[in-house]
């Protein structure tokens, strides 16, 4: 019998990535399947805080296990920015092109290398209560111009450590093997085996 997992997002890219990385025994649903579910304000100043807000908020009104993630890019030369503001760095939520353009603009006067990391905090909740939390990351650097057609967000600018191409140039299977989200999900799966 399949295990139902509600992913607390309406971001189709994020749900697709998570579903692709989970074993087939999971039936993955998103908030797109629950139009009555409210938007949860991401008011925390950490990825873990925002993931917990979303997981607890949604699990308080929908039955079953809810997984929420908050993730983003942290650039050392920008004191960790865009950080929790990653999705709305340029002002409009989810405008990847504008966010990438602003990042390049902000780094233009800063000498290379632009070391950075993708961070992903995941929280699992049920009945409005946190069950477990996980943090994944992937180290790398920011390139000077976008490259690649795959992925989303800052993938066209992020070169993972040990690679000579951006995340957006990697096939989905390869990205899903090394990403910050994959790191956090592996921890979730190890935890979930004991349920």
N, C-alpha and C. Protein backbone atom coordinates (compact mmCIF):
# COMPACT_ATOMS: atom_id res chain seq x y z
N UNK A 1 0.84 -1.19 0.00
CA UNK A 1 0.00 0.00 0.00
C UNK A 1 0.89 1.25 0.00
N UNK A 2 0.51 2.22 -0.81
CA UNK A 2 1.31 3.45 -0.92
C UNK A 2 1.18 4.32 0.32
N UNK A 3 2.29 4.98 0.65
CA UNK A 3 2.29 5.94 1.74
C UNK A 3 2.00 7.32 1.16
N UNK A 4 0.99 7.98 1.70
CA UNK A 4 0.65 9.31 1.21
C UNK A 4 1.53 10.35 1.89
N UNK A 5 2.08 11.24 1.08
CA UNK A 5 2.90 12.34 1.60
C UNK A 5 2.44 13.63 0.93
N UNK A 6 2.00 14.57 1.74
CA UNK A 6 1.60 15.88 1.21
C UNK A 6 2.81 16.80 1.28
N UNK A 7 3.17 17.35 0.14
CA UNK A 7 4.27 18.32 0.09
C UNK A 7 3.64 19.71 0.13
N UNK A 8 4.00 20.47 1.15
CA UNK A 8 3.33 21.76 1.42
C UNK A 8 3.85 22.87 0.51
N UNK A 9 3.53 22.75 -0.78
CA UNK A 9 3.90 23.77 -1.75
C UNK A 9 2.97 23.69 -2.95
N UNK A 10 2.89 24.81 -3.67
CA UNK A 10 2.20 24.83 -4.96
C UNK A 10 3.22 24.97 -6.09
N UNK A 11 4.51 24.91 -5.74
CA UNK A 11 5.60 25.01 -6.71
C UNK A 11 5.73 23.67 -7.44
N UNK A 12 5.27 23.62 -8.69
CA UNK A 12 5.26 22.37 -9.44
C UNK A 12 6.67 21.81 -9.64
N UNK A 13 7.67 22.67 -9.83
CA UNK A 13 9.05 22.21 -10.01
C UNK A 13 9.54 21.47 -8.77
N UNK A 14 9.24 22.04 -7.61
CA UNK A 14 9.70 21.45 -6.35
C UNK A 14 9.03 20.09 -6.12
N UNK A 15 7.73 20.01 -6.37
CA UNK A 15 7.00 18.75 -6.19
C UNK A 15 7.52 17.69 -7.14
N UNK A 16 7.77 18.08 -8.38
CA UNK A 16 8.28 17.15 -9.38
C UNK A 16 9.63 16.59 -8.95
N UNK A 17 10.51 17.45 -8.46
CA UNK A 17 11.82 17.00 -7.99
C UNK A 17 11.70 16.04 -6.83
N UNK A 18 10.88 16.40 -5.85
CA UNK A 18 10.72 15.54 -4.66
C UNK A 18 10.12 14.19 -5.05
N UNK A 19 9.09 14.21 -5.87
CA UNK A 19 8.44 12.96 -6.30
C UNK A 19 9.43 12.06 -7.06
N UNK A 20 10.27 12.66 -7.88
CA UNK A 20 11.25 11.88 -8.66
C UNK A 20 12.29 11.22 -7.77
N UNK A 21 12.57 11.83 -6.62
CA UNK A 21 13.60 11.30 -5.73
C UNK A 21 13.08 10.31 -4.70
N UNK A 22 11.76 10.24 -4.53
CA UNK A 22 11.19 9.33 -3.53
C UNK A 22 10.93 7.96 -4.14
N UNK A 23 11.01 6.90 -3.34
CA UNK A 23 10.68 5.56 -3.84
C UNK A 23 9.21 5.50 -4.29
N UNK A 24 8.91 4.52 -5.11
CA UNK A 24 7.56 4.40 -5.68
C UNK A 24 6.48 4.14 -4.65
N UNK A 25 6.89 3.73 -3.44
CA UNK A 25 5.88 3.43 -2.41
C UNK A 25 5.19 4.70 -1.91
N UNK A 26 5.70 5.87 -2.31
CA UNK A 26 5.10 7.14 -1.88
C UNK A 26 4.15 7.69 -2.93
N UNK A 27 2.96 8.06 -2.48
CA UNK A 27 2.01 8.79 -3.32
C UNK A 27 2.14 10.25 -2.92
N UNK A 28 2.74 11.06 -3.79
CA UNK A 28 3.04 12.44 -3.47
C UNK A 28 1.92 13.36 -3.93
N UNK A 29 1.43 14.17 -3.00
CA UNK A 29 0.42 15.17 -3.32
C UNK A 29 1.00 16.55 -3.00
N UNK A 30 0.46 17.56 -3.66
CA UNK A 30 0.90 18.93 -3.34
C UNK A 30 -0.32 19.76 -2.97
N UNK A 31 -0.09 21.01 -2.61
CA UNK A 31 -1.22 21.87 -2.26
C UNK A 31 -2.10 22.18 -3.45
N UNK A 32 -1.59 21.91 -4.66
CA UNK A 32 -2.44 22.07 -5.86
C UNK A 32 -3.60 21.07 -5.81
N UNK A 33 -3.42 19.96 -5.07
CA UNK A 33 -4.49 18.96 -4.90
C UNK A 33 -5.49 19.36 -3.82
N UNK A 34 -5.15 20.41 -3.06
CA UNK A 34 -6.00 20.86 -1.96
C UNK A 34 -6.24 22.37 -2.09
N UNK A 35 -7.10 22.77 -3.02
CA UNK A 35 -7.30 24.21 -3.25
C UNK A 35 -7.79 24.96 -2.02
N UNK A 36 -8.38 24.23 -1.06
CA UNK A 36 -8.87 24.88 0.16
C UNK A 36 -7.75 25.21 1.15
N UNK A 37 -6.56 24.63 0.92
CA UNK A 37 -5.44 24.87 1.84
C UNK A 37 -4.97 26.32 1.72
N UNK A 38 -4.73 26.97 2.84
CA UNK A 38 -4.32 28.37 2.81
C UNK A 38 -2.86 28.55 2.41
N UNK A 39 -2.50 29.76 2.04
CA UNK A 39 -1.08 30.11 1.87
C UNK A 39 -0.52 30.36 3.26
N UNK A 40 0.60 29.77 3.56
CA UNK A 40 1.25 29.99 4.85
C UNK A 40 2.33 31.04 4.66
N UNK A 41 2.24 32.10 5.43
CA UNK A 41 3.23 33.18 5.34
C UNK A 41 4.59 32.69 5.84
N UNK A 42 5.62 32.90 5.02
CA UNK A 42 6.98 32.51 5.40
C UNK A 42 7.63 33.70 6.10
N UNK A 43 7.39 33.81 7.40
CA UNK A 43 7.83 34.98 8.15
C UNK A 43 9.09 34.73 9.00
N UNK A 44 9.59 33.51 8.99
CA UNK A 44 10.78 33.18 9.79
C UNK A 44 12.03 33.73 9.09
N UNK A 45 13.11 33.87 9.86
CA UNK A 45 14.35 34.38 9.27
C UNK A 45 15.36 33.27 8.99
N UNK A 46 14.89 32.00 9.05
CA UNK A 46 15.74 30.87 8.69
C UNK A 46 14.96 29.92 7.79
N UNK A 47 15.69 29.11 7.01
CA UNK A 47 15.04 28.10 6.18
C UNK A 47 14.27 27.11 7.06
N UNK A 48 14.89 26.67 8.16
CA UNK A 48 14.24 25.70 9.04
C UNK A 48 12.97 26.27 9.65
N UNK A 49 13.00 27.54 10.02
CA UNK A 49 11.82 28.18 10.59
C UNK A 49 10.67 28.24 9.61
N UNK A 50 10.97 28.59 8.36
CA UNK A 50 9.92 28.65 7.33
C UNK A 50 9.37 27.27 7.00
N UNK A 51 10.24 26.26 6.94
CA UNK A 51 9.78 24.89 6.67
C UNK A 51 8.84 24.43 7.77
N UNK A 52 9.18 24.74 9.02
CA UNK A 52 8.32 24.34 10.15
C UNK A 52 6.99 25.08 10.12
N UNK A 53 7.00 26.36 9.79
CA UNK A 53 5.74 27.12 9.68
C UNK A 53 4.80 26.46 8.67
N UNK A 54 5.36 26.11 7.50
CA UNK A 54 4.53 25.52 6.44
C UNK A 54 4.04 24.12 6.82
N UNK A 55 4.95 23.28 7.33
CA UNK A 55 4.57 21.90 7.66
C UNK A 55 3.53 21.87 8.77
N UNK A 56 3.75 22.65 9.81
CA UNK A 56 2.79 22.67 10.93
C UNK A 56 1.47 23.31 10.53
N UNK A 57 1.54 24.41 9.78
CA UNK A 57 0.33 25.10 9.36
C UNK A 57 -0.57 24.24 8.50
N UNK A 58 0.03 23.53 7.55
CA UNK A 58 -0.77 22.69 6.64
C UNK A 58 -1.22 21.41 7.34
N UNK A 59 -0.35 20.80 8.15
CA UNK A 59 -0.73 19.55 8.81
C UNK A 59 -1.80 19.76 9.87
N UNK A 60 -1.97 21.00 10.31
CA UNK A 60 -3.03 21.29 11.29
C UNK A 60 -4.41 21.24 10.65
N UNK A 61 -4.47 21.37 9.31
CA UNK A 61 -5.79 21.37 8.64
C UNK A 61 -5.99 20.21 7.67
N UNK A 62 -4.89 19.54 7.26
CA UNK A 62 -5.02 18.39 6.36
C UNK A 62 -4.55 17.14 7.09
N UNK A 63 -5.26 16.03 6.92
CA UNK A 63 -4.85 14.80 7.61
C UNK A 63 -3.62 14.17 6.95
N UNK A 64 -2.85 13.47 7.77
CA UNK A 64 -1.69 12.75 7.25
C UNK A 64 -0.39 13.49 7.44
N UNK A 65 0.68 12.89 6.91
CA UNK A 65 2.01 13.46 7.06
C UNK A 65 2.26 14.53 6.01
N UNK A 66 2.78 15.67 6.48
CA UNK A 66 3.08 16.79 5.59
C UNK A 66 4.57 17.07 5.63
N UNK A 67 5.16 17.20 4.45
CA UNK A 67 6.56 17.55 4.30
C UNK A 67 6.65 18.95 3.70
N UNK A 68 7.40 19.82 4.34
CA UNK A 68 7.62 21.15 3.79
C UNK A 68 9.11 21.38 3.66
N UNK A 69 9.48 22.13 2.64
CA UNK A 69 10.88 22.49 2.52
C UNK A 69 10.99 23.97 2.25
N UNK A 70 12.02 24.56 2.77
CA UNK A 70 12.36 25.93 2.40
C UNK A 70 13.82 25.87 2.01
N UNK A 71 14.11 26.42 0.86
CA UNK A 71 15.45 26.28 0.33
C UNK A 71 15.86 27.56 -0.38
N UNK A 72 17.14 27.68 -0.59
CA UNK A 72 17.63 28.86 -1.28
C UNK A 72 19.13 28.84 -1.42
N UNK A 73 19.61 29.95 -1.95
CA UNK A 73 21.02 30.11 -2.25
C UNK A 73 21.66 31.07 -1.26
N UNK A 74 22.82 30.71 -0.75
CA UNK A 74 23.56 31.57 0.18
C UNK A 74 24.94 31.84 -0.42
N UNK A 75 25.21 33.10 -0.71
CA UNK A 75 26.47 33.50 -1.34
C UNK A 75 27.36 34.17 -0.28
N UNK A 76 28.57 33.64 -0.13
CA UNK A 76 29.47 34.14 0.91
C UNK A 76 29.77 35.62 0.77
N UNK A 77 30.05 36.08 -0.45
CA UNK A 77 30.43 37.48 -0.68
C UNK A 77 29.28 38.44 -0.39
N UNK A 78 28.06 37.92 -0.31
CA UNK A 78 26.89 38.75 -0.02
C UNK A 78 26.37 38.48 1.39
N UNK A 79 27.26 38.00 2.27
CA UNK A 79 26.89 37.71 3.66
C UNK A 79 25.71 36.75 3.77
N UNK A 80 25.67 35.77 2.86
CA UNK A 80 24.62 34.76 2.91
C UNK A 80 23.37 35.07 2.11
N UNK A 81 23.30 36.26 1.51
CA UNK A 81 22.16 36.60 0.65
C UNK A 81 22.28 35.79 -0.65
N UNK A 82 21.17 35.55 -1.35
CA UNK A 82 19.80 35.97 -1.03
C UNK A 82 19.14 35.20 0.12
N UNK A 83 19.68 34.04 0.51
CA UNK A 83 19.17 33.33 1.68
C UNK A 83 17.67 33.07 1.64
N UNK A 84 16.99 33.37 2.75
CA UNK A 84 15.55 33.08 2.82
C UNK A 84 14.74 33.94 1.84
N UNK A 85 15.38 34.96 1.27
CA UNK A 85 14.70 35.81 0.28
C UNK A 85 14.94 35.32 -1.14
N UNK A 86 15.50 34.12 -1.31
CA UNK A 86 15.91 33.63 -2.63
C UNK A 86 14.81 33.71 -3.68
N UNK A 87 13.60 33.30 -3.34
CA UNK A 87 12.51 33.27 -4.33
C UNK A 87 12.02 34.66 -4.70
N UNK A 88 12.29 35.65 -3.84
CA UNK A 88 11.80 37.01 -4.11
C UNK A 88 12.91 38.04 -4.00
N UNK A 89 14.11 37.63 -4.36
CA UNK A 89 15.29 38.48 -4.23
C UNK A 89 15.16 39.78 -5.02
N UNK A 90 14.57 39.70 -6.21
CA UNK A 90 14.42 40.89 -7.06
C UNK A 90 13.08 41.59 -6.82
N UNK A 91 12.28 41.10 -5.88
CA UNK A 91 11.02 41.76 -5.55
C UNK A 91 9.79 40.92 -5.83
N UNK A 92 9.70 40.35 -7.02
CA UNK A 92 8.52 39.56 -7.40
C UNK A 92 8.79 38.09 -7.11
N UNK A 93 7.91 37.46 -6.33
CA UNK A 93 8.10 36.06 -5.93
C UNK A 93 8.13 35.15 -7.15
N UNK A 94 9.18 34.33 -7.24
CA UNK A 94 9.26 33.30 -8.27
C UNK A 94 9.71 33.77 -9.64
N UNK A 95 10.20 35.02 -9.77
CA UNK A 95 10.68 35.50 -11.07
C UNK A 95 12.16 35.12 -11.19
N UNK A 96 12.42 33.91 -11.71
CA UNK A 96 13.78 33.38 -11.76
C UNK A 96 14.73 34.28 -12.54
N UNK A 97 14.28 34.77 -13.70
CA UNK A 97 15.16 35.61 -14.54
C UNK A 97 15.56 36.88 -13.81
N UNK A 98 14.61 37.52 -13.15
CA UNK A 98 14.91 38.76 -12.41
C UNK A 98 15.82 38.49 -11.22
N UNK A 99 15.57 37.37 -10.52
CA UNK A 99 16.41 37.02 -9.37
C UNK A 99 17.86 36.76 -9.81
N UNK A 100 18.02 36.03 -10.92
CA UNK A 100 19.36 35.74 -11.42
C UNK A 100 20.06 37.02 -11.87
N UNK A 101 19.32 37.91 -12.52
CA UNK A 101 19.89 39.18 -12.98
C UNK A 101 20.35 40.02 -11.79
N UNK A 102 19.55 40.07 -10.73
CA UNK A 102 19.94 40.85 -9.56
C UNK A 102 21.17 40.25 -8.89
N UNK A 103 21.23 38.93 -8.82
CA UNK A 103 22.39 38.29 -8.20
C UNK A 103 23.66 38.65 -8.95
N UNK A 104 23.63 38.57 -10.28
CA UNK A 104 24.81 38.91 -11.07
C UNK A 104 25.18 40.38 -10.90
N UNK A 105 24.17 41.23 -10.82
CA UNK A 105 24.40 42.67 -10.62
C UNK A 105 25.08 42.91 -9.26
N UNK A 106 24.58 42.24 -8.22
CA UNK A 106 25.14 42.42 -6.88
C UNK A 106 26.57 41.89 -6.77
N UNK A 107 26.91 40.90 -7.61
CA UNK A 107 28.24 40.30 -7.55
C UNK A 107 29.23 40.95 -8.52
N UNK A 108 28.74 41.85 -9.37
CA UNK A 108 29.57 42.41 -10.44
C UNK A 108 30.84 43.07 -9.92
N UNK A 109 30.78 43.73 -8.78
CA UNK A 109 31.94 44.45 -8.25
C UNK A 109 32.76 43.61 -7.26
N UNK A 110 32.34 42.37 -7.05
CA UNK A 110 33.01 41.51 -6.07
C UNK A 110 33.94 40.55 -6.81
N UNK A 111 35.22 40.46 -6.39
CA UNK A 111 36.15 39.55 -7.08
C UNK A 111 35.72 38.08 -6.98
N UNK A 112 36.01 37.32 -8.04
CA UNK A 112 35.77 35.88 -8.05
C UNK A 112 36.81 35.22 -7.13
N UNK A 113 36.65 33.99 -6.66
CA UNK A 113 35.46 33.16 -6.88
C UNK A 113 34.32 33.55 -5.95
N UNK A 114 33.12 33.34 -6.44
CA UNK A 114 31.92 33.63 -5.66
C UNK A 114 31.42 32.33 -5.05
N UNK A 115 32.02 31.92 -3.94
CA UNK A 115 31.61 30.67 -3.31
C UNK A 115 30.20 30.79 -2.75
N UNK A 116 29.46 29.69 -2.81
CA UNK A 116 28.06 29.70 -2.41
C UNK A 116 27.61 28.29 -2.09
N UNK A 117 26.43 28.20 -1.55
CA UNK A 117 25.84 26.88 -1.32
C UNK A 117 24.32 26.97 -1.45
N UNK A 118 23.74 25.90 -1.97
CA UNK A 118 22.29 25.74 -1.92
C UNK A 118 21.97 25.05 -0.60
N UNK A 119 21.01 25.59 0.13
CA UNK A 119 20.57 25.02 1.41
C UNK A 119 19.11 24.56 1.27
N UNK A 120 18.78 23.48 1.96
CA UNK A 120 17.40 22.99 1.98
C UNK A 120 17.08 22.50 3.39
N UNK A 121 16.11 23.13 4.00
CA UNK A 121 15.61 22.67 5.30
C UNK A 121 14.26 21.99 5.07
N UNK A 122 14.10 20.80 5.58
CA UNK A 122 12.82 20.08 5.47
C UNK A 122 12.26 19.83 6.87
N UNK A 123 10.95 19.90 6.94
CA UNK A 123 10.26 19.61 8.19
C UNK A 123 9.10 18.68 7.88
N UNK A 124 8.94 17.66 8.70
CA UNK A 124 7.81 16.74 8.60
C UNK A 124 6.92 16.97 9.81
N UNK A 125 5.63 17.14 9.55
CA UNK A 125 4.69 17.39 10.64
C UNK A 125 3.42 16.59 10.43
N UNK A 126 2.71 16.39 11.52
CA UNK A 126 1.39 15.75 11.47
C UNK A 126 0.57 16.35 12.60
N UNK A 127 -0.68 16.69 12.32
CA UNK A 127 -1.55 17.25 13.34
C UNK A 127 -1.05 18.56 13.92
N UNK A 128 -0.29 19.31 13.12
CA UNK A 128 0.22 20.60 13.57
C UNK A 128 1.47 20.51 14.43
N UNK A 129 2.04 19.29 14.56
CA UNK A 129 3.23 19.09 15.40
C UNK A 129 4.41 18.61 14.57
N UNK A 130 5.60 19.15 14.86
CA UNK A 130 6.82 18.74 14.16
C UNK A 130 7.18 17.31 14.57
N UNK A 131 7.42 16.46 13.56
CA UNK A 131 7.88 15.09 13.80
C UNK A 131 9.39 14.98 13.64
N UNK A 132 9.93 15.67 12.64
CA UNK A 132 11.37 15.59 12.37
C UNK A 132 11.78 16.75 11.47
N UNK A 133 13.07 17.09 11.53
CA UNK A 133 13.62 18.15 10.69
C UNK A 133 14.96 17.69 10.11
N UNK A 134 15.26 18.13 8.89
CA UNK A 134 16.47 17.73 8.19
C UNK A 134 17.04 18.93 7.43
N UNK A 135 18.36 18.97 7.29
CA UNK A 135 19.00 20.05 6.54
C UNK A 135 19.96 19.44 5.53
N UNK A 136 19.83 19.84 4.27
CA UNK A 136 20.72 19.39 3.22
C UNK A 136 21.41 20.58 2.58
N UNK A 137 22.59 20.33 2.00
CA UNK A 137 23.27 21.41 1.30
C UNK A 137 24.17 20.86 0.20
N UNK A 138 24.50 21.72 -0.73
CA UNK A 138 25.49 21.40 -1.76
C UNK A 138 26.34 22.65 -1.95
N UNK A 139 27.66 22.46 -1.86
CA UNK A 139 28.60 23.57 -2.01
C UNK A 139 28.89 23.82 -3.48
N UNK A 140 29.31 25.05 -3.79
CA UNK A 140 29.65 25.37 -5.17
C UNK A 140 30.04 26.82 -5.31
N UNK A 141 29.84 27.37 -6.50
CA UNK A 141 30.17 28.76 -6.76
C UNK A 141 29.22 29.32 -7.82
N UNK A 142 29.23 30.65 -7.92
CA UNK A 142 28.36 31.33 -8.89
C UNK A 142 29.19 31.71 -10.11
N UNK A 143 28.67 31.35 -11.28
CA UNK A 143 29.35 31.68 -12.53
C UNK A 143 28.95 33.10 -12.97
N UNK A 144 29.63 33.62 -13.97
CA UNK A 144 29.40 35.02 -14.35
C UNK A 144 28.25 35.20 -15.34
N UNK A 145 27.77 34.12 -15.93
CA UNK A 145 26.61 34.23 -16.83
C UNK A 145 25.83 32.92 -16.82
N UNK A 146 24.50 33.00 -17.00
CA UNK A 146 23.68 31.79 -16.93
C UNK A 146 24.00 30.80 -18.05
N UNK A 147 23.87 29.52 -17.72
CA UNK A 147 24.07 28.47 -18.72
C UNK A 147 23.20 27.27 -18.36
N UNK A 148 22.58 26.66 -19.38
CA UNK A 148 21.80 25.44 -19.17
C UNK A 148 20.31 25.68 -19.27
N UNK A 149 19.61 24.61 -19.61
CA UNK A 149 18.16 24.68 -19.84
C UNK A 149 17.35 23.92 -18.80
N UNK A 150 18.03 23.16 -17.94
CA UNK A 150 17.31 22.32 -16.98
C UNK A 150 17.13 23.06 -15.66
N UNK A 151 16.38 22.45 -14.76
CA UNK A 151 16.24 22.99 -13.42
C UNK A 151 15.43 24.27 -13.38
N UNK A 152 15.60 25.01 -12.28
CA UNK A 152 14.86 26.26 -12.09
C UNK A 152 15.59 27.10 -11.06
N UNK A 153 15.07 28.26 -10.75
CA UNK A 153 15.70 29.12 -9.76
C UNK A 153 17.08 29.56 -10.19
N UNK A 154 18.05 29.38 -9.30
CA UNK A 154 19.43 29.82 -9.56
C UNK A 154 20.28 28.74 -10.22
N UNK A 155 19.66 27.63 -10.64
CA UNK A 155 20.41 26.53 -11.26
C UNK A 155 21.31 26.98 -12.42
N UNK A 156 20.88 27.93 -13.28
CA UNK A 156 21.74 28.33 -14.40
C UNK A 156 23.01 29.07 -13.98
N UNK A 157 23.10 29.51 -12.73
CA UNK A 157 24.27 30.25 -12.25
C UNK A 157 25.13 29.46 -11.27
N UNK A 158 24.63 28.34 -10.78
CA UNK A 158 25.32 27.61 -9.71
C UNK A 158 26.13 26.44 -10.27
N UNK A 159 27.44 26.47 -10.01
CA UNK A 159 28.34 25.39 -10.41
C UNK A 159 28.66 24.57 -9.17
N UNK A 160 28.18 23.31 -9.09
CA UNK A 160 28.46 22.50 -7.90
C UNK A 160 29.95 22.20 -7.79
N UNK A 161 30.46 22.12 -6.56
CA UNK A 161 31.87 21.79 -6.33
C UNK A 161 32.21 20.47 -7.02
N UNK A 162 33.32 20.47 -7.74
CA UNK A 162 33.76 19.26 -8.44
C UNK A 162 33.23 19.15 -9.86
N UNK A 163 32.40 20.10 -10.28
CA UNK A 163 31.83 20.09 -11.63
C UNK A 163 32.32 21.31 -12.40
N UNK A 164 32.27 21.23 -13.73
CA UNK A 164 32.64 22.39 -14.55
C UNK A 164 31.45 22.88 -15.37
N UNK A 165 30.24 22.59 -14.87
CA UNK A 165 29.02 23.05 -15.52
C UNK A 165 28.02 23.46 -14.43
N UNK A 166 26.99 24.18 -14.84
CA UNK A 166 25.99 24.61 -13.87
C UNK A 166 25.00 23.49 -13.58
N UNK A 167 24.24 23.66 -12.50
CA UNK A 167 23.16 22.71 -12.17
C UNK A 167 22.18 22.59 -13.33
N UNK A 168 21.95 23.70 -14.04
CA UNK A 168 20.98 23.70 -15.14
C UNK A 168 21.49 22.97 -16.38
N UNK A 169 22.79 22.64 -16.39
CA UNK A 169 23.35 21.87 -17.50
C UNK A 169 23.37 20.37 -17.20
N UNK A 170 23.07 20.01 -15.97
CA UNK A 170 23.06 18.59 -15.60
C UNK A 170 21.71 17.96 -15.93
N UNK A 171 21.70 16.70 -16.37
CA UNK A 171 20.42 16.01 -16.52
C UNK A 171 19.74 15.90 -15.15
N UNK A 172 18.42 15.84 -15.14
CA UNK A 172 17.66 15.83 -13.88
C UNK A 172 18.13 14.72 -12.94
N UNK A 173 18.43 13.52 -13.48
CA UNK A 173 18.83 12.41 -12.63
C UNK A 173 20.14 12.73 -11.90
N UNK A 174 21.06 13.39 -12.60
CA UNK A 174 22.35 13.72 -11.99
C UNK A 174 22.17 14.83 -10.96
N UNK A 175 21.39 15.86 -11.29
CA UNK A 175 21.14 16.93 -10.33
C UNK A 175 20.47 16.36 -9.08
N UNK A 176 19.49 15.47 -9.28
CA UNK A 176 18.76 14.91 -8.16
C UNK A 176 19.61 13.99 -7.29
N UNK A 177 20.77 13.60 -7.79
CA UNK A 177 21.66 12.75 -7.00
C UNK A 177 22.58 13.58 -6.09
N UNK A 178 22.80 14.86 -6.45
CA UNK A 178 23.78 15.66 -5.70
C UNK A 178 23.18 16.90 -5.03
N UNK A 179 21.92 17.18 -5.26
CA UNK A 179 21.35 18.46 -4.82
C UNK A 179 21.13 18.54 -3.31
N UNK A 180 20.95 19.76 -2.85
CA UNK A 180 20.62 20.03 -1.45
C UNK A 180 19.31 19.36 -1.05
N UNK A 181 18.36 19.33 -1.98
CA UNK A 181 17.06 18.71 -1.71
C UNK A 181 17.23 17.19 -1.60
N UNK A 182 18.08 16.62 -2.44
CA UNK A 182 18.36 15.18 -2.37
C UNK A 182 19.01 14.82 -1.04
N UNK A 183 19.93 15.66 -0.59
CA UNK A 183 20.61 15.44 0.69
C UNK A 183 19.59 15.40 1.83
N UNK A 184 18.69 16.38 1.87
CA UNK A 184 17.67 16.42 2.93
C UNK A 184 16.69 15.25 2.80
N UNK A 185 16.32 14.91 1.57
CA UNK A 185 15.36 13.81 1.37
C UNK A 185 15.93 12.47 1.78
N UNK A 186 17.23 12.26 1.55
CA UNK A 186 17.86 11.00 1.98
C UNK A 186 17.78 10.86 3.50
N UNK A 187 17.95 11.98 4.19
CA UNK A 187 17.82 11.96 5.65
C UNK A 187 16.38 11.65 6.06
N UNK A 188 15.42 12.24 5.32
CA UNK A 188 14.00 11.96 5.59
C UNK A 188 13.71 10.47 5.40
N UNK A 189 14.20 9.89 4.30
CA UNK A 189 13.92 8.48 4.02
C UNK A 189 14.54 7.56 5.06
N UNK A 190 15.74 7.90 5.53
CA UNK A 190 16.36 7.09 6.59
C UNK A 190 15.50 7.15 7.85
N UNK A 191 14.97 8.34 8.16
CA UNK A 191 14.10 8.51 9.34
C UNK A 191 12.79 7.76 9.14
N UNK A 192 12.20 7.86 7.94
CA UNK A 192 10.88 7.30 7.67
C UNK A 192 10.88 5.76 7.69
N UNK A 193 12.04 5.14 7.50
CA UNK A 193 12.12 3.67 7.54
C UNK A 193 11.71 3.12 8.90
N UNK A 194 11.85 3.94 9.93
CA UNK A 194 11.52 3.47 11.28
C UNK A 194 10.07 3.70 11.68
N UNK A 195 9.27 4.24 10.76
CA UNK A 195 7.86 4.51 11.10
C UNK A 195 7.04 3.22 11.09
